[in-house]
Amino acid sequence: MGTDASRPRVVVGVDGSPSSHAALRWAVRYAHLIGGTVDAVAAWDLPGAYGWSALAVDADFEEAVPRQRLSQELSDVLGAEGAASVRGLVVRGNTVEVLLIAAEGAEALVVGSRGRGGFARALLGSVSQHVAHHAKCPVVIVRPESR
């Protein structure tokens, strides 16, 4: 899957969770069926700390960690060959906003859903709920695969 602009694009949110692994696998299968490409998007931001200035932090250094984690996750979930077929994007910002912007013009936005147990399992997580309501493309919410 290249980055040919004429091919349909599938965007998937990746955060290291089992549900995002399932979403990643789903997105790759779907993109293959429609002859599309996959953008795996990981959002990150600096943790807030009272009295610390964000200007004092080297953002390039800080971004290296999530970029390395995304690369490792793609390889772990898809294997080396599969990971090479996916474009990994690491974007600093609020997860919902990052995913909505990345999904503009996409064929679909795929996200995982984290159930916390009991009644909460029946509800969507805050990210999946927000993107389902605000995305301008179809949204697919994937639950973690049961073993």
C-alpha atoms as a PDB file:
ATOM      1  CA  MET A   1       0.000   0.000   0.000  1.00  0.00           C
ATOM      2  CA  GLY A   2       1.680   3.147  -1.147  1.00  0.00           C
ATOM      3  CA  THR A   3       0.716   6.735  -0.593  1.00  0.00           C
ATOM      4  CA  ASP A   4      -0.901   7.237  -4.040  1.00  0.00           C
ATOM      5  CA  ALA A   5      -3.344  10.132  -3.610  1.00  0.00           C
ATOM      6  CA  SER A   6      -5.804   8.561  -6.066  1.00  0.00           C
ATOM      7  CA  ARG A   7      -6.307   5.502  -3.849  1.00  0.00           C
ATOM      8  CA  PRO A   8      -8.842   5.461  -0.991  1.00  0.00           C
ATOM      9  CA  ARG A   9      -7.274   6.212   2.373  1.00  0.00           C
ATOM     10  CA  VAL A  10      -8.135   4.529   5.668  1.00  0.00           C
ATOM     11  CA  VAL A  11      -7.072   6.264   8.883  1.00  0.00           C
ATOM     12  CA  VAL A  12      -6.640   4.263  12.084  1.00  0.00           C
ATOM     13  CA  GLY A  13      -5.951   5.566  15.580  1.00  0.00           C
ATOM     14  CA  VAL A  14      -3.170   3.657  17.334  1.00  0.00           C
ATOM     15  CA  ASP A  15      -2.381   3.956  21.053  1.00  0.00           C
ATOM     16  CA  GLY A  16      -0.796   0.657  22.109  1.00  0.00           C
ATOM     17  CA  SER A  17      -3.988  -0.863  23.525  1.00  0.00           C
ATOM     18  CA  PRO A  18      -5.383  -4.270  22.516  1.00  0.00           C
ATOM     19  CA  SER A  19      -8.380  -2.538  20.942  1.00  0.00           C
ATOM     20  CA  SER A  20      -6.129  -0.333  18.805  1.00  0.00           C
ATOM     21  CA  HIS A  21      -4.241  -3.459  17.688  1.00  0.00           C
ATOM     22  CA  ALA A  22      -7.568  -4.946  16.581  1.00  0.00           C
ATOM     23  CA  ALA A  23      -8.467  -1.657  14.860  1.00  0.00           C
ATOM     24  CA  LEU A  24      -5.119  -1.638  13.056  1.00  0.00           C
ATOM     25  CA  ARG A  25      -5.625  -5.182  11.763  1.00  0.00           C
ATOM     26  CA  TRP A  26      -9.189  -4.304  10.684  1.00  0.00           C
ATOM     27  CA  ALA A  27      -8.015  -1.158   8.868  1.00  0.00           C
ATOM     28  CA  VAL A  28      -5.312  -3.058   6.966  1.00  0.00           C
ATOM     29  CA  ARG A  29      -7.773  -5.786   5.882  1.00  0.00           C
ATOM     30  CA  TYR A  30     -10.337  -3.186   4.785  1.00  0.00           C
ATOM     31  CA  ALA A  31      -7.767  -1.119   2.875  1.00  0.00           C
ATOM     32  CA  HIS A  32      -6.647  -4.271   1.087  1.00  0.00           C
ATOM     33  CA  LEU A  33     -10.258  -5.026   0.058  1.00  0.00           C
ATOM     34  CA  ILE A  34     -10.838  -1.534  -1.348  1.00  0.00           C
ATOM     35  CA  GLY A  35      -7.366  -1.105  -2.866  1.00  0.00           C
ATOM     36  CA  GLY A  36      -6.546   1.664  -0.411  1.00  0.00           C
ATOM     37  CA  THR A  37      -3.754   2.886   1.797  1.00  0.00           C
ATOM     38  CA  VAL A  38      -3.533   3.017   5.594  1.00  0.00           C
ATOM     39  CA  ASP A  39      -2.429   5.922   7.769  1.00  0.00           C
ATOM     40  CA  ALA A  40      -1.797   4.773  11.351  1.00  0.00           C
ATOM     41  CA  VAL A  41      -2.041   7.870  13.531  1.00  0.00           C
ATOM     42  CA  ALA A  42      -0.678   8.194  17.055  1.00  0.00           C
ATOM     43  CA  ALA A  43      -1.459  11.396  18.946  1.00  0.00           C
ATOM     44  CA  TRP A  44       0.774  12.591  21.754  1.00  0.00           C
ATOM     45  CA  ASP A  45       1.175  15.598  23.958  1.00  0.00           C
ATOM     46  CA  LEU A  46       3.428  16.727  26.751  1.00  0.00           C
ATOM     47  CA  PRO A  47       2.048  15.990  30.201  1.00  0.00           C
ATOM     48  CA  GLY A  48       1.035  19.107  32.050  1.00  0.00           C
ATOM     49  CA  ALA A  49       3.100  19.949  35.078  1.00  0.00           C
ATOM     50  CA  TYR A  50       2.422  22.794  37.456  1.00  0.00           C
ATOM     51  CA  GLY A  51       5.067  25.486  37.164  1.00  0.00           C
ATOM     52  CA  TRP A  52       6.820  23.977  34.141  1.00  0.00           C
ATOM     53  CA  SER A  53       7.143  25.807  30.883  1.00  0.00           C
ATOM     54  CA  ALA A  54       6.452  23.863  27.696  1.00  0.00           C
ATOM     55  CA  LEU A  55       9.126  26.011  26.032  1.00  0.00           C
ATOM     56  CA  ALA A  56      11.773  24.392  28.222  1.00  0.00           C
ATOM     57  CA  VAL A  57      11.109  20.965  26.709  1.00  0.00           C
ATOM     58  CA  ASP A  58      12.795  19.817  23.509  1.00  0.00           C
ATOM     59  CA  ALA A  59       9.754  18.793  21.412  1.00  0.00           C
ATOM     60  CA  ASP A  60      11.904  16.974  18.826  1.00  0.00           C
ATOM     61  CA  PHE A  61      13.376  14.804  21.567  1.00  0.00           C
ATOM     62  CA  GLU A  62       9.958  14.217  23.125  1.00  0.00           C
ATOM     63  CA  GLU A  63       8.433  13.214  19.776  1.00  0.00           C
ATOM     64  CA  ALA A  64      11.103  10.548  19.251  1.00  0.00           C
ATOM     65  CA  VAL A  65       9.553   8.367  21.974  1.00  0.00           C
ATOM     66  CA  PRO A  66       6.011   8.120  20.514  1.00  0.00           C
ATOM     67  CA  ARG A  67       7.479   7.740  17.001  1.00  0.00           C
ATOM     68  CA  GLN A  68       9.586   4.805  18.184  1.00  0.00           C
ATOM     69  CA  ARG A  69       6.604   3.271  20.012  1.00  0.00           C
ATOM     70  CA  LEU A  70       4.402   3.547  16.916  1.00  0.00           C
ATOM     71  CA  SER A  71       7.038   1.946  14.725  1.00  0.00           C
ATOM     72  CA  GLN A  72       7.465  -0.911  17.201  1.00  0.00           C
ATOM     73  CA  GLU A  73       3.697  -1.375  17.532  1.00  0.00           C
ATOM     74  CA  LEU A  74       3.194  -1.540  13.767  1.00  0.00           C
ATOM     75  CA  SER A  75       5.921  -4.159  13.526  1.00  0.00           C
ATOM     76  CA  ASP A  76       4.610  -6.179  16.495  1.00  0.00           C
ATOM     77  CA  VAL A  77       1.020  -6.222  15.234  1.00  0.00           C
ATOM     78  CA  LEU A  78       1.565  -6.510  11.475  1.00  0.00           C
ATOM     79  CA  GLY A  79       5.043  -7.993  11.134  1.00  0.00           C
ATOM     80  CA  ALA A  80       7.876  -6.249   9.306  1.00  0.00           C
ATOM     81  CA  GLU A  81       6.340  -6.625   5.835  1.00  0.00           C
ATOM     82  CA  GLY A  82       2.892  -5.493   6.947  1.00  0.00           C
ATOM     83  CA  ALA A  83       4.307  -2.537   8.872  1.00  0.00           C
ATOM     84  CA  ALA A  84       6.155  -1.386   5.741  1.00  0.00           C
ATOM     85  CA  SER A  85       2.814  -1.085   3.931  1.00  0.00           C
ATOM     86  CA  VAL A  86       1.370   1.345   6.498  1.00  0.00           C
ATOM     87  CA  ARG A  87       2.239   5.017   6.802  1.00  0.00           C
ATOM     88  CA  GLY A  88       2.818   5.853  10.470  1.00  0.00           C
ATOM     89  CA  LEU A  89       2.026   9.402  11.564  1.00  0.00           C
ATOM     90  CA  VAL A  90       2.853  10.827  14.973  1.00  0.00           C
ATOM     91  CA  VAL A  91       1.054  14.085  15.666  1.00  0.00           C
ATOM     92  CA  ARG A  92       1.243  16.249  18.757  1.00  0.00           C
ATOM     93  CA  GLY A  93      -2.145  17.325  20.065  1.00  0.00           C
ATOM     94  CA  ASN A  94      -5.484  16.262  21.474  1.00  0.00           C
ATOM     95  CA  THR A  95      -6.312  12.728  20.292  1.00  0.00           C
ATOM     96  CA  VAL A  96      -9.825  13.521  19.050  1.00  0.00           C
ATOM     97  CA  GLU A  97      -8.719  16.639  17.169  1.00  0.00           C
ATOM     98  CA  VAL A  98      -5.708  14.868  15.646  1.00  0.00           C
ATOM     99  CA  LEU A  99      -7.836  11.953  14.414  1.00  0.00           C
ATOM    100  CA  LEU A 100     -10.579  14.183  13.007  1.00  0.00           C
ATOM    101  CA  ILE A 101      -8.060  16.268  11.062  1.00  0.00           C
ATOM    102  CA  ALA A 102      -6.185  13.177   9.829  1.00  0.00           C
ATOM    103  CA  ALA A 103      -9.469  11.622   8.653  1.00  0.00           C
ATOM    104  CA  GLU A 104     -10.499  14.554   6.462  1.00  0.00           C
ATOM    105  CA  GLY A 105     -11.064  13.127   3.000  1.00  0.00           C
ATOM    106  CA  ALA A 106     -10.558   9.535   4.180  1.00  0.00           C
ATOM    107  CA  GLU A 107     -12.684   6.580   3.157  1.00  0.00           C
ATOM    108  CA  ALA A 108     -13.012   5.606   6.840  1.00  0.00           C
ATOM    109  CA  LEU A 109     -11.688   6.329  10.313  1.00  0.00           C
ATOM    110  CA  VAL A 110     -11.058   3.230  12.417  1.00  0.00           C
ATOM    111  CA  VAL A 111     -10.621   3.379  16.200  1.00  0.00           C
ATOM    112  CA  GLY A 112     -10.600   0.906  19.036  1.00  0.00           C
ATOM    113  CA  SER A 113     -13.055   0.891  21.907  1.00  0.00           C
ATOM    114  CA  ARG A 114     -11.851   0.224  25.412  1.00  0.00           C
ATOM    115  CA  GLY A 115     -14.390  -1.421  27.687  1.00  0.00           C
ATOM    116  CA  ARG A 116     -13.506  -1.055  31.350  1.00  0.00           C
ATOM    117  CA  GLY A 117     -15.746  -3.906  32.501  1.00  0.00           C
ATOM    118  CA  GLY A 118     -19.359  -4.299  33.588  1.00  0.00           C
ATOM    119  CA  PHE A 119     -21.761  -1.681  32.310  1.00  0.00           C
ATOM    120  CA  ALA A 120     -18.926   0.514  31.047  1.00  0.00           C
ATOM    121  CA  ARG A 121     -18.091  -2.164  28.456  1.00  0.00           C
ATOM    122  CA  ALA A 122     -21.404  -1.443  26.726  1.00  0.00           C
ATOM    123  CA  LEU A 123     -20.512   2.230  26.315  1.00  0.00           C
ATOM    124  CA  LEU A 124     -18.130   3.810  23.852  1.00  0.00           C
ATOM    125  CA  GLY A 125     -14.927   5.384  25.112  1.00  0.00           C
ATOM    126  CA  SER A 126     -14.635   9.133  25.000  1.00  0.00           C
ATOM    127  CA  VAL A 127     -12.398   9.192  21.894  1.00  0.00           C
ATOM    128  CA  SER A 128     -14.519   6.731  19.918  1.00  0.00           C
ATOM    129  CA  GLN A 129     -17.704   8.530  20.955  1.00  0.00           C
ATOM    130  CA  HIS A 130     -16.374  11.943  19.929  1.00  0.00           C
ATOM    131  CA  VAL A 131     -15.043  10.833  16.553  1.00  0.00           C
ATOM    132  CA  ALA A 132     -18.256   8.899  15.824  1.00  0.00           C
ATOM    133  CA  HIS A 133     -20.234  12.114  16.317  1.00  0.00           C
ATOM    134  CA  HIS A 134     -17.895  14.542  14.582  1.00  0.00           C
ATOM    135  CA  ALA A 135     -16.011  12.764  11.773  1.00  0.00           C
ATOM    136  CA  LYS A 136     -16.887  13.690   8.194  1.00  0.00           C
ATOM    137  CA  CYS A 137     -16.337  10.108   7.033  1.00  0.00           C
ATOM    138  CA  PRO A 138     -17.645   6.721   8.169  1.00  0.00           C
ATOM    139  CA  VAL A 139     -16.253   5.615  11.545  1.00  0.00           C
ATOM    140  CA  VAL A 140     -15.588   1.990  12.448  1.00  0.00           C
ATOM    141  CA  ILE A 141     -15.231   1.198  16.158  1.00  0.00           C
ATOM    142  CA  VAL A 142     -13.445  -2.081  16.836  1.00  0.00           C
ATOM    143  CA  ARG A 143     -13.536  -3.901  20.154  1.00  0.00           C
ATOM    144  CA  PRO A 144     -10.522  -5.859  21.385  1.00  0.00           C
ATOM    145  CA  GLU A 145     -10.343  -9.375  20.015  1.00  0.00           C
ATOM    146  CA  SER A 146     -11.259 -12.029  22.554  1.00  0.00           C
ATOM    147  CA  ARG A 147      -8.933 -14.977  22.827  1.00  0.00           C
END
